[in-house]
Amino acid sequence: MSQAHIYADFQNLDDANRLRLSCAGTKEDLERHGIQLRQGMMLTFYTDDADDDGRPDNLLADGVVEYDEEAGGWVATVDWSALRHASDERHPNTAR
């Protein structure tokens, strides 16, 4: 997966349960990282979340980018069963 994490609104899903890559935060991250979306590109997306103590701990999801011709925009197919927290990547051997 890409080292860059790209913001996505995990509540902004299409009817196929794919992330719509159209929100301002997504566009800003793509521009900041110099990423131009292309068919089949794999990216890691994040959205804001917190741990049980209220400390920031973003949710992460890996996805494959595709262009939705019908909707006229970019989306990402995500394996929602592999959703994880950023802290899981920092401490891979630590149970939550």
PDB file of N, CA and C in Angstrom:
ATOM      1  N   MET A   1       0.833  -1.175   0.000  1.00  0.00           N
ATOM      2  CA  MET A   1       0.000   0.000   0.000  1.00  0.00           C
ATOM      3  C   MET A   1       0.885   1.248   0.000  1.00  0.00           C
ATOM      4  N   SER A   2       0.306   2.317  -0.393  1.00  0.00           N
ATOM      5  CA  SER A   2       1.002   3.594  -0.421  1.00  0.00           C
ATOM      6  C   SER A   2       1.376   4.022   0.995  1.00  0.00           C
ATOM      7  N   GLN A   3       2.518   4.689   1.148  1.00  0.00           N
ATOM      8  CA  GLN A   3       2.911   5.223   2.443  1.00  0.00           C
ATOM      9  C   GLN A   3       1.995   6.380   2.847  1.00  0.00           C
ATOM     10  N   ALA A   4       1.554   7.162   1.882  1.00  0.00           N
ATOM     11  CA  ALA A   4       0.691   8.299   2.168  1.00  0.00           C
ATOM     12  C   ALA A   4      -0.699   7.810   2.564  1.00  0.00           C
ATOM     13  N   HIS A   5      -1.235   8.421   3.607  1.00  0.00           N
ATOM     14  CA  HIS A   5      -2.617   8.139   3.992  1.00  0.00           C
ATOM     15  C   HIS A   5      -3.464   9.285   3.478  1.00  0.00           C
ATOM     16  N   ILE A   6      -4.570   8.952   2.821  1.00  0.00           N
ATOM     17  CA  ILE A   6      -5.447   9.930   2.194  1.00  0.00           C
ATOM     18  C   ILE A   6      -6.754   9.990   2.972  1.00  0.00           C
ATOM     19  N   TYR A   7      -7.157  11.199   3.343  1.00  0.00           N
ATOM     20  CA  TYR A   7      -8.410  11.358   4.080  1.00  0.00           C
ATOM     21  C   TYR A   7      -9.595  10.935   3.204  1.00  0.00           C
ATOM     22  N   ALA A   8     -10.560  10.274   3.806  1.00  0.00           N
ATOM     23  CA  ALA A   8     -11.834   9.963   3.152  1.00  0.00           C
ATOM     24  C   ALA A   8     -12.916   9.959   4.225  1.00  0.00           C
ATOM     25  N   ASP A   9     -14.092  10.381   3.842  1.00  0.00           N
ATOM     26  CA  ASP A   9     -15.238  10.352   4.742  1.00  0.00           C
ATOM     27  C   ASP A   9     -15.833   8.952   4.659  1.00  0.00           C
ATOM     28  N   PHE A  10     -15.620   8.130   5.681  1.00  0.00           N
ATOM     29  CA  PHE A  10     -16.067   6.741   5.670  1.00  0.00           C
ATOM     30  C   PHE A  10     -17.588   6.624   5.699  1.00  0.00           C
ATOM     31  N   GLN A  11     -18.290   7.734   5.883  1.00  0.00           N
ATOM     32  CA  GLN A  11     -19.751   7.726   5.820  1.00  0.00           C
ATOM     33  C   GLN A  11     -20.258   8.076   4.423  1.00  0.00           C
ATOM     34  N   ASN A  12     -19.364   8.521   3.550  1.00  0.00           N
ATOM     35  CA  ASN A  12     -19.739   8.937   2.197  1.00  0.00           C
ATOM     36  C   ASN A  12     -19.546   7.763   1.236  1.00  0.00           C
ATOM     37  N   LEU A  13     -20.516   6.849   1.249  1.00  0.00           N
ATOM     38  CA  LEU A  13     -20.451   5.626   0.452  1.00  0.00           C
ATOM     39  C   LEU A  13     -21.489   5.650  -0.657  1.00  0.00           C
ATOM     40  N   ASP A  14     -21.160   4.971  -1.761  1.00  0.00           N
ATOM     41  CA  ASP A  14     -22.151   4.835  -2.826  1.00  0.00           C
ATOM     42  C   ASP A  14     -22.995   3.588  -2.572  1.00  0.00           C
ATOM     43  N   ASP A  15     -23.887   3.260  -3.486  1.00  0.00           N
ATOM     44  CA  ASP A  15     -24.785   2.117  -3.304  1.00  0.00           C
ATOM     45  C   ASP A  15     -24.049   0.781  -3.296  1.00  0.00           C
ATOM     46  N   ALA A  16     -22.814   0.753  -3.817  1.00  0.00           N
ATOM     47  CA  ALA A  16     -22.005  -0.467  -3.830  1.00  0.00           C
ATOM     48  C   ALA A  16     -21.067  -0.534  -2.620  1.00  0.00           C
ATOM     49  N   ASN A  17     -21.272   0.359  -1.644  1.00  0.00           N
ATOM     50  CA  ASN A  17     -20.484   0.405  -0.411  1.00  0.00           C
ATOM     51  C   ASN A  17     -19.028   0.820  -0.653  1.00  0.00           C
ATOM     52  N   ARG A  18     -18.806   1.584  -1.724  1.00  0.00           N
ATOM     53  CA  ARG A  18     -17.477   2.097  -2.043  1.00  0.00           C
ATOM     54  C   ARG A  18     -17.347   3.522  -1.522  1.00  0.00           C
ATOM     55  N   LEU A  19     -16.127   3.883  -1.107  1.00  0.00           N
ATOM     56  CA  LEU A  19     -15.857   5.252  -0.681  1.00  0.00           C
ATOM     57  C   LEU A  19     -15.923   6.189  -1.870  1.00  0.00           C
ATOM     58  N   ARG A  20     -16.669   7.277  -1.736  1.00  0.00           N
ATOM     59  CA  ARG A  20     -16.632   8.330  -2.754  1.00  0.00           C
ATOM     60  C   ARG A  20     -15.435   9.219  -2.430  1.00  0.00           C
ATOM     61  N   LEU A  21     -14.595   9.461  -3.419  1.00  0.00           N
ATOM     62  CA  LEU A  21     -13.365  10.221  -3.204  1.00  0.00           C
ATOM     63  C   LEU A  21     -13.539  11.655  -3.668  1.00  0.00           C
ATOM     64  N   SER A  22     -14.594  12.284  -3.165  1.00  0.00           N
ATOM     65  CA  SER A  22     -14.965  13.612  -3.657  1.00  0.00           C
ATOM     66  C   SER A  22     -14.947  14.699  -2.594  1.00  0.00           C
ATOM     67  N   CYS A  23     -14.690  14.367  -1.334  1.00  0.00           N
ATOM     68  CA  CYS A  23     -14.755  15.405  -0.302  1.00  0.00           C
ATOM     69  C   CYS A  23     -13.505  16.284  -0.335  1.00  0.00           C
ATOM     70  N   ALA A  24     -13.629  17.461   0.240  1.00  0.00           N
ATOM     71  CA  ALA A  24     -12.541  18.447   0.227  1.00  0.00           C
ATOM     72  C   ALA A  24     -11.266  17.888   0.858  1.00  0.00           C
ATOM     73  N   GLY A  25     -11.383  17.177   1.971  1.00  0.00           N
ATOM     74  CA  GLY A  25     -10.204  16.620   2.640  1.00  0.00           C
ATOM     75  C   GLY A  25      -9.464  15.620   1.777  1.00  0.00           C
ATOM     76  N   THR A  26     -10.210  14.820   1.014  1.00  0.00           N
ATOM     77  CA  THR A  26      -9.584  13.864   0.099  1.00  0.00           C
ATOM     78  C   THR A  26      -8.810  14.605  -0.974  1.00  0.00           C
ATOM     79  N   LYS A  27      -9.449  15.586  -1.579  1.00  0.00           N
ATOM     80  CA  LYS A  27      -8.800  16.357  -2.641  1.00  0.00           C
ATOM     81  C   LYS A  27      -7.552  17.069  -2.127  1.00  0.00           C
ATOM     82  N   GLU A  28      -7.630  17.625  -0.918  1.00  0.00           N
ATOM     83  CA  GLU A  28      -6.480  18.317  -0.330  1.00  0.00           C
ATOM     84  C   GLU A  28      -5.314  17.362  -0.093  1.00  0.00           C
ATOM     85  N   ASP A  29      -5.586  16.171   0.458  1.00  0.00           N
ATOM     86  CA  ASP A  29      -4.516  15.199   0.696  1.00  0.00           C
ATOM     87  C   ASP A  29      -3.899  14.718  -0.609  1.00  0.00           C
ATOM     88  N   LEU A  30      -4.727  14.441  -1.606  1.00  0.00           N
ATOM     89  CA  LEU A  30      -4.198  13.999  -2.902  1.00  0.00           C
ATOM     90  C   LEU A  30      -3.269  15.055  -3.491  1.00  0.00           C
ATOM     91  N   GLU A  31      -3.687  16.305  -3.423  1.00  0.00           N
ATOM     92  CA  GLU A  31      -2.871  17.396  -3.954  1.00  0.00           C
ATOM     93  C   GLU A  31      -1.579  17.551  -3.149  1.00  0.00           C
ATOM     94  N   ARG A  32      -1.703  17.502  -1.838  1.00  0.00           N
ATOM     95  CA  ARG A  32      -0.533  17.673  -0.959  1.00  0.00           C
ATOM     96  C   ARG A  32       0.517  16.598  -1.203  1.00  0.00           C
ATOM     97  N   HIS A  33       0.066  15.368  -1.477  1.00  0.00           N
ATOM     98  CA  HIS A  33       0.980  14.252  -1.722  1.00  0.00           C
ATOM     99  C   HIS A  33       1.344  14.099  -3.201  1.00  0.00           C
ATOM    100  N   GLY A  34       0.767  14.946  -4.051  1.00  0.00           N
ATOM    101  CA  GLY A  34       1.066  14.874  -5.481  1.00  0.00           C
ATOM    102  C   GLY A  34       0.556  13.601  -6.140  1.00  0.00           C
ATOM    103  N   ILE A  35      -0.584  13.112  -5.680  1.00  0.00           N
ATOM    104  CA  ILE A  35      -1.150  11.863  -6.198  1.00  0.00           C
ATOM    105  C   ILE A  35      -2.263  12.174  -7.175  1.00  0.00           C
ATOM    106  N   GLN A  36      -2.164  11.597  -8.358  1.00  0.00           N
ATOM    107  CA  GLN A  36      -3.235  11.689  -9.349  1.00  0.00           C
ATOM    108  C   GLN A  36      -3.894  10.317  -9.411  1.00  0.00           C
ATOM    109  N   LEU A  37      -5.191  10.272  -9.154  1.00  0.00           N
ATOM    110  CA  LEU A  37      -5.901   8.994  -9.127  1.00  0.00           C
ATOM    111  C   LEU A  37      -5.863   8.325 -10.490  1.00  0.00           C
ATOM    112  N   ARG A  38      -5.736   6.999 -10.453  1.00  0.00           N
ATOM    113  CA  ARG A  38      -5.787   6.202 -11.685  1.00  0.00           C
ATOM    114  C   ARG A  38      -6.413   4.843 -11.369  1.00  0.00           C
ATOM    115  N   GLN A  39      -6.986   4.262 -12.363  1.00  0.00           N
ATOM    116  CA  GLN A  39      -7.670   2.973 -12.246  1.00  0.00           C
ATOM    117  C   GLN A  39      -6.738   1.915 -11.649  1.00  0.00           C
ATOM    118  N   GLY A  40      -7.210   1.222 -10.615  1.00  0.00           N
ATOM    119  CA  GLY A  40      -6.461   0.130 -10.006  1.00  0.00           C
ATOM    120  C   GLY A  40      -5.438   0.553  -8.968  1.00  0.00           C
ATOM    121  N   MET A  41      -5.277   1.850  -8.758  1.00  0.00           N
ATOM    122  CA  MET A  41      -4.324   2.347  -7.761  1.00  0.00           C
ATOM    123  C   MET A  41      -4.757   1.882  -6.373  1.00  0.00           C
ATOM    124  N   MET A  42      -3.786   1.450  -5.560  1.00  0.00           N
ATOM    125  CA  MET A  42      -4.074   1.031  -4.193  1.00  0.00           C
ATOM    126  C   MET A  42      -3.613   2.135  -3.255  1.00  0.00           C
ATOM    127  N   LEU A  43      -4.486   2.531  -2.339  1.00  0.00           N
ATOM    128  CA  LEU A  43      -4.192   3.588  -1.381  1.00  0.00           C
ATOM    129  C   LEU A  43      -4.704   3.192  -0.006  1.00  0.00           C
ATOM    130  N   THR A  44      -4.141   3.832   1.009  1.00  0.00           N
ATOM    131  CA  THR A  44      -4.649   3.695   2.373  1.00  0.00           C
ATOM    132  C   THR A  44      -5.408   4.972   2.704  1.00  0.00           C
ATOM    133  N   PHE A  45      -6.639   4.810   3.139  1.00  0.00           N
ATOM    134  CA  PHE A  45      -7.506   5.931   3.483  1.00  0.00           C
ATOM    135  C   PHE A  45      -7.666   5.994   4.997  1.00  0.00           C
ATOM    136  N   TYR A  46      -7.902   7.211   5.504  1.00  0.00           N
ATOM    137  CA  TYR A  46      -8.130   7.361   6.938  1.00  0.00           C
ATOM    138  C   TYR A  46      -9.317   8.283   7.178  1.00  0.00           C
ATOM    139  N   THR A  47      -9.890   8.117   8.355  1.00  0.00           N
ATOM    140  CA  THR A  47     -10.908   9.041   8.839  1.00  0.00           C
ATOM    141  C   THR A  47     -10.675   9.225  10.334  1.00  0.00           C
ATOM    142  N   ASP A  48     -11.141  10.333  10.849  1.00  0.00           N
ATOM    143  CA  ASP A  48     -10.929  10.657  12.256  1.00  0.00           C
ATOM    144  C   ASP A  48     -11.647   9.667  13.171  1.00  0.00           C
ATOM    145  N   ASP A  49     -10.963   9.293  14.244  1.00  0.00           N
ATOM    146  CA  ASP A  49     -11.546   8.456  15.281  1.00  0.00           C
ATOM    147  C   ASP A  49     -10.727   8.691  16.550  1.00  0.00           C
ATOM    148  N   ALA A  50     -11.140   8.083  17.624  1.00  0.00           N
ATOM    149  CA  ALA A  50     -10.433   8.228  18.897  1.00  0.00           C
ATOM    150  C   ALA A  50     -10.439   6.891  19.629  1.00  0.00           C
ATOM    151  N   ASP A  51      -9.459   6.732  20.537  1.00  0.00           N
ATOM    152  CA  ASP A  51      -9.429   5.520  21.353  1.00  0.00           C
ATOM    153  C   ASP A  51     -10.415   5.656  22.518  1.00  0.00           C
ATOM    154  N   ASP A  52     -10.426   4.671  23.383  1.00  0.00           N
ATOM    155  CA  ASP A  52     -11.378   4.660  24.497  1.00  0.00           C
ATOM    156  C   ASP A  52     -11.174   5.816  25.480  1.00  0.00           C
ATOM    157  N   ASP A  53      -9.981   6.406  25.458  1.00  0.00           N
ATOM    158  CA  ASP A  53      -9.679   7.524  26.352  1.00  0.00           C
ATOM    159  C   ASP A  53      -9.826   8.876  25.662  1.00  0.00           C
ATOM    160  N   GLY A  54     -10.342   8.875  24.430  1.00  0.00           N
ATOM    161  CA  GLY A  54     -10.572  10.116  23.709  1.00  0.00           C
ATOM    162  C   GLY A  54      -9.373  10.670  22.962  1.00  0.00           C
ATOM    163  N   ARG A  55      -8.265   9.920  22.937  1.00  0.00           N
ATOM    164  CA  ARG A  55      -7.084  10.366  22.197  1.00  0.00           C
ATOM    165  C   ARG A  55      -7.277  10.055  20.714  1.00  0.00           C
ATOM    166  N   PRO A  56      -6.828  10.942  19.824  1.00  0.00           N
ATOM    167  CA  PRO A  56      -6.963  10.696  18.384  1.00  0.00           C
ATOM    168  C   PRO A  56      -6.325   9.364  17.981  1.00  0.00           C
ATOM    169  N   ASP A  57      -7.042   8.574  17.199  1.00  0.00           N
ATOM    170  CA  ASP A  57      -6.561   7.280  16.701  1.00  0.00           C
ATOM    171  C   ASP A  57      -7.329   6.984  15.415  1.00  0.00           C
ATOM    172  N   ASN A  58      -6.834   7.505  14.307  1.00  0.00           N
ATOM    173  CA  ASN A  58      -7.541   7.402  13.028  1.00  0.00           C
ATOM    174  C   ASN A  58      -7.858   5.971  12.641  1.00  0.00           C
ATOM    175  N   LEU A  59      -9.003   5.789  12.004  1.00  0.00           N
ATOM    176  CA  LEU A  59      -9.346   4.513  11.384  1.00  0.00           C
ATOM    177  C   LEU A  59      -8.685   4.474  10.011  1.00  0.00           C
ATOM    178  N   LEU A  60      -8.133   3.316   9.638  1.00  0.00           N
ATOM    179  CA  LEU A  60      -7.462   3.133   8.355  1.00  0.00           C
ATOM    180  C   LEU A  60      -8.129   2.016   7.572  1.00  0.00           C
ATOM    181  N   ALA A  61      -8.167   2.191   6.259  1.00  0.00           N
ATOM    182  CA  ALA A  61      -8.709   1.172   5.366  1.00  0.00           C
ATOM    183  C   ALA A  61      -7.947   1.234   4.050  1.00  0.00           C
ATOM    184  N   ASP A  62      -7.572   0.069   3.537  1.00  0.00           N
ATOM    185  CA  ASP A  62      -6.906  -0.004   2.236  1.00  0.00           C
ATOM    186  C   ASP A  62      -7.970  -0.166   1.166  1.00  0.00           C
ATOM    187  N   GLY A  63      -7.745   0.490   0.040  1.00  0.00           N
ATOM    188  CA  GLY A  63      -8.728   0.425  -1.030  1.00  0.00           C
ATOM    189  C   GLY A  63      -8.108   0.473  -2.406  1.00  0.00           C
ATOM    190  N   VAL A  64      -8.884   0.018  -3.364  1.00  0.00           N
ATOM    191  CA  VAL A  64      -8.486   0.044  -4.772  1.00  0.00           C
ATOM    192  C   VAL A  64      -9.356   1.076  -5.473  1.00  0.00           C
ATOM    193  N   VAL A  65      -8.702   2.005  -6.142  1.00  0.00           N
ATOM    194  CA  VAL A  65      -9.371   3.128  -6.792  1.00  0.00           C
ATOM    195  C   VAL A  65      -9.933   2.712  -8.154  1.00  0.00           C
ATOM    196  N   GLU A  66     -11.109   3.221  -8.454  1.00  0.00           N
ATOM    197  CA  GLU A  66     -11.687   3.028  -9.787  1.00  0.00           C
ATOM    198  C   GLU A  66     -12.543   4.234 -10.147  1.00  0.00           C
ATOM    199  N   TYR A  67     -12.707   4.452 -11.422  1.00  0.00           N
ATOM    200  CA  TYR A  67     -13.545   5.557 -11.873  1.00  0.00           C
ATOM    201  C   TYR A  67     -14.935   5.016 -12.151  1.00  0.00           C
ATOM    202  N   ASP A  68     -15.937   5.605 -11.532  1.00  0.00           N
ATOM    203  CA  ASP A  68     -17.327   5.209 -11.719  1.00  0.00           C
ATOM    204  C   ASP A  68     -17.906   6.057 -12.851  1.00  0.00           C
ATOM    205  N   GLU A  69     -17.999   5.463 -14.030  1.00  0.00           N
ATOM    206  CA  GLU A  69     -18.492   6.179 -15.214  1.00  0.00           C
ATOM    207  C   GLU A  69     -19.903   6.706 -15.008  1.00  0.00           C
ATOM    208  N   GLU A  70     -20.749   5.884 -14.401  1.00  0.00           N
ATOM    209  CA  GLU A  70     -22.153   6.263 -14.215  1.00  0.00           C
ATOM    210  C   GLU A  70     -22.286   7.491 -13.306  1.00  0.00           C
ATOM    211  N   ALA A  71     -21.516   7.508 -12.225  1.00  0.00           N
ATOM    212  CA  ALA A  71     -21.584   8.626 -11.284  1.00  0.00           C
ATOM    213  C   ALA A  71     -20.676   9.785 -11.693  1.00  0.00           C
ATOM    214  N   GLY A  72     -19.719   9.491 -12.560  1.00  0.00           N
ATOM    215  CA  GLY A  72     -18.796  10.526 -13.013  1.00  0.00           C
ATOM    216  C   GLY A  72     -17.788  10.943 -11.963  1.00  0.00           C
ATOM    217  N   GLY A  73     -17.326   9.996 -11.149  1.00  0.00           N
ATOM    218  CA  GLY A  73     -16.349  10.341 -10.122  1.00  0.00           C
ATOM    219  C   GLY A  73     -15.547   9.141  -9.662  1.00  0.00           C
ATOM    220  N   TRP A  74     -14.490   9.422  -8.905  1.00  0.00           N
ATOM    221  CA  TRP A  74     -13.611   8.381  -8.372  1.00  0.00           C
ATOM    222  C   TRP A  74     -14.179   7.786  -7.098  1.00  0.00           C
ATOM    223  N   VAL A  75     -14.015   6.477  -6.951  1.00  0.00           N
ATOM    224  CA  VAL A  75     -14.432   5.743  -5.767  1.00  0.00           C
ATOM    225  C   VAL A  75     -13.321   4.764  -5.396  1.00  0.00           C
ATOM    226  N   ALA A  76     -13.427   4.174  -4.223  1.00  0.00           N
ATOM    227  CA  ALA A  76     -12.471   3.144  -3.813  1.00  0.00           C
ATOM    228  C   ALA A  76     -13.227   1.968  -3.207  1.00  0.00           C
ATOM    229  N   THR A  77     -12.890   0.780  -3.672  1.00  0.00           N
ATOM    230  CA  THR A  77     -13.426  -0.442  -3.095  1.00  0.00           C
ATOM    231  C   THR A  77     -12.544  -0.794  -1.908  1.00  0.00           C
ATOM    232  N   VAL A  78     -13.173  -0.949  -0.749  1.00  0.00           N
ATOM    233  CA  VAL A  78     -12.458  -1.159   0.501  1.00  0.00           C
ATOM    234  C   VAL A  78     -12.880  -2.481   1.113  1.00  0.00           C
ATOM    235  N   ASP A  79     -11.918  -3.189   1.705  1.00  0.00           N
ATOM    236  CA  ASP A  79     -12.217  -4.392   2.476  1.00  0.00           C
ATOM    237  C   ASP A  79     -12.551  -3.932   3.890  1.00  0.00           C
ATOM    238  N   TRP A  80     -13.825  -3.714   4.156  1.00  0.00           N
ATOM    239  CA  TRP A  80     -14.250  -3.176   5.448  1.00  0.00           C
ATOM    240  C   TRP A  80     -13.938  -4.117   6.599  1.00  0.00           C
ATOM    241  N   SER A  81     -13.756  -5.403   6.326  1.00  0.00           N
ATOM    242  CA  SER A  81     -13.417  -6.345   7.404  1.00  0.00           C
ATOM    243  C   SER A  81     -11.974  -6.163   7.878  1.00  0.00           C
ATOM    244  N   ALA A  82     -11.162  -5.438   7.107  1.00  0.00           N
ATOM    245  CA  ALA A  82      -9.758  -5.205   7.473  1.00  0.00           C
ATOM    246  C   ALA A  82      -9.543  -3.804   8.049  1.00  0.00           C
ATOM    247  N   LEU A  83     -10.625  -3.131   8.438  1.00  0.00           N
ATOM    248  CA  LEU A  83     -10.539  -1.809   9.048  1.00  0.00           C
ATOM    249  C   LEU A  83      -9.692  -1.904  10.315  1.00  0.00           C
ATOM    250  N   ARG A  84      -8.837  -0.914  10.536  1.00  0.00           N
ATOM    251  CA  ARG A  84      -7.950  -0.943  11.689  1.00  0.00           C
ATOM    252  C   ARG A  84      -7.695   0.483  12.175  1.00  0.00           C
ATOM    253  N   HIS A  85      -7.109   0.603  13.342  1.00  0.00           N
ATOM    254  CA  HIS A  85      -6.719   1.900  13.879  1.00  0.00           C
ATOM    255  C   HIS A  85      -5.247   2.165  13.573  1.00  0.00           C
ATOM    256  N   ALA A  86      -4.894   3.436  13.490  1.00  0.00           N
ATOM    257  CA  ALA A  86      -3.505   3.812  13.251  1.00  0.00           C
ATOM    258  C   ALA A  86      -2.600   3.240  14.341  1.00  0.00           C
ATOM    259  N   SER A  87      -3.080   3.192  15.576  1.00  0.00           N
ATOM    260  CA  SER A  87      -2.270   2.653  16.672  1.00  0.00           C
ATOM    261  C   SER A  87      -1.946   1.175  16.452  1.00  0.00           C
ATOM    262  N   ASP A  88      -2.772   0.454  15.700  1.00  0.00           N
ATOM    263  CA  ASP A  88      -2.491  -0.951  15.399  1.00  0.00           C
ATOM    264  C   ASP A  88      -1.233  -1.071  14.542  1.00  0.00           C
ATOM    265  N   GLU A  89      -0.986  -0.100  13.688  1.00  0.00           N
ATOM    266  CA  GLU A  89       0.206  -0.127  12.838  1.00  0.00           C
ATOM    267  C   GLU A  89       1.452   0.248  13.628  1.00  0.00           C
ATOM    268  N   ARG A  90       1.300   1.135  14.592  1.00  0.00           N
ATOM    269  CA  ARG A  90       2.446   1.545  15.411  1.00  0.00           C
ATOM    270  C   ARG A  90       2.858   0.451  16.386  1.00  0.00           C
ATOM    271  N   HIS A  91       1.874  -0.345  16.839  1.00  0.00           N
ATOM    272  CA  HIS A  91       2.128  -1.402  17.821  1.00  0.00           C
ATOM    273  C   HIS A  91       1.480  -2.695  17.333  1.00  0.00           C
ATOM    274  N   PRO A  92       2.041  -3.299  16.254  1.00  0.00           N
ATOM    275  CA  PRO A  92       1.376  -4.458  15.639  1.00  0.00           C
ATOM    276  C   PRO A  92       1.256  -5.676  16.543  1.00  0.00           C
ATOM    277  N   ASN A  93       2.074  -5.803  17.567  1.00  0.00           N
ATOM    278  CA  ASN A  93       2.014  -6.997  18.428  1.00  0.00           C
ATOM    279  C   ASN A  93       1.238  -6.768  19.720  1.00  0.00           C
ATOM    280  N   THR A  94       0.614  -5.591  19.810  1.00  0.00           N
ATOM    281  CA  THR A  94      -0.133  -5.256  21.019  1.00  0.00           C
ATOM    282  C   THR A  94      -1.618  -5.431  20.773  1.00  0.00           C
ATOM    283  N   ALA A  95      -2.257  -6.214  21.610  1.00  0.00           N
ATOM    284  CA  ALA A  95      -3.718  -6.388  21.496  1.00  0.00           C
ATOM    285  C   ALA A  95      -4.396  -5.128  22.011  1.00  0.00           C
ATOM    286  N   ARG A  96      -5.503  -4.762  21.390  1.00  0.00           N
ATOM    287  CA  ARG A  96      -6.272  -3.596  21.822  1.00  0.00           C
ATOM    288  C   ARG A  96      -7.185  -3.968  22.956  1.00  0.00           C
TER     289      ARG A  96
END
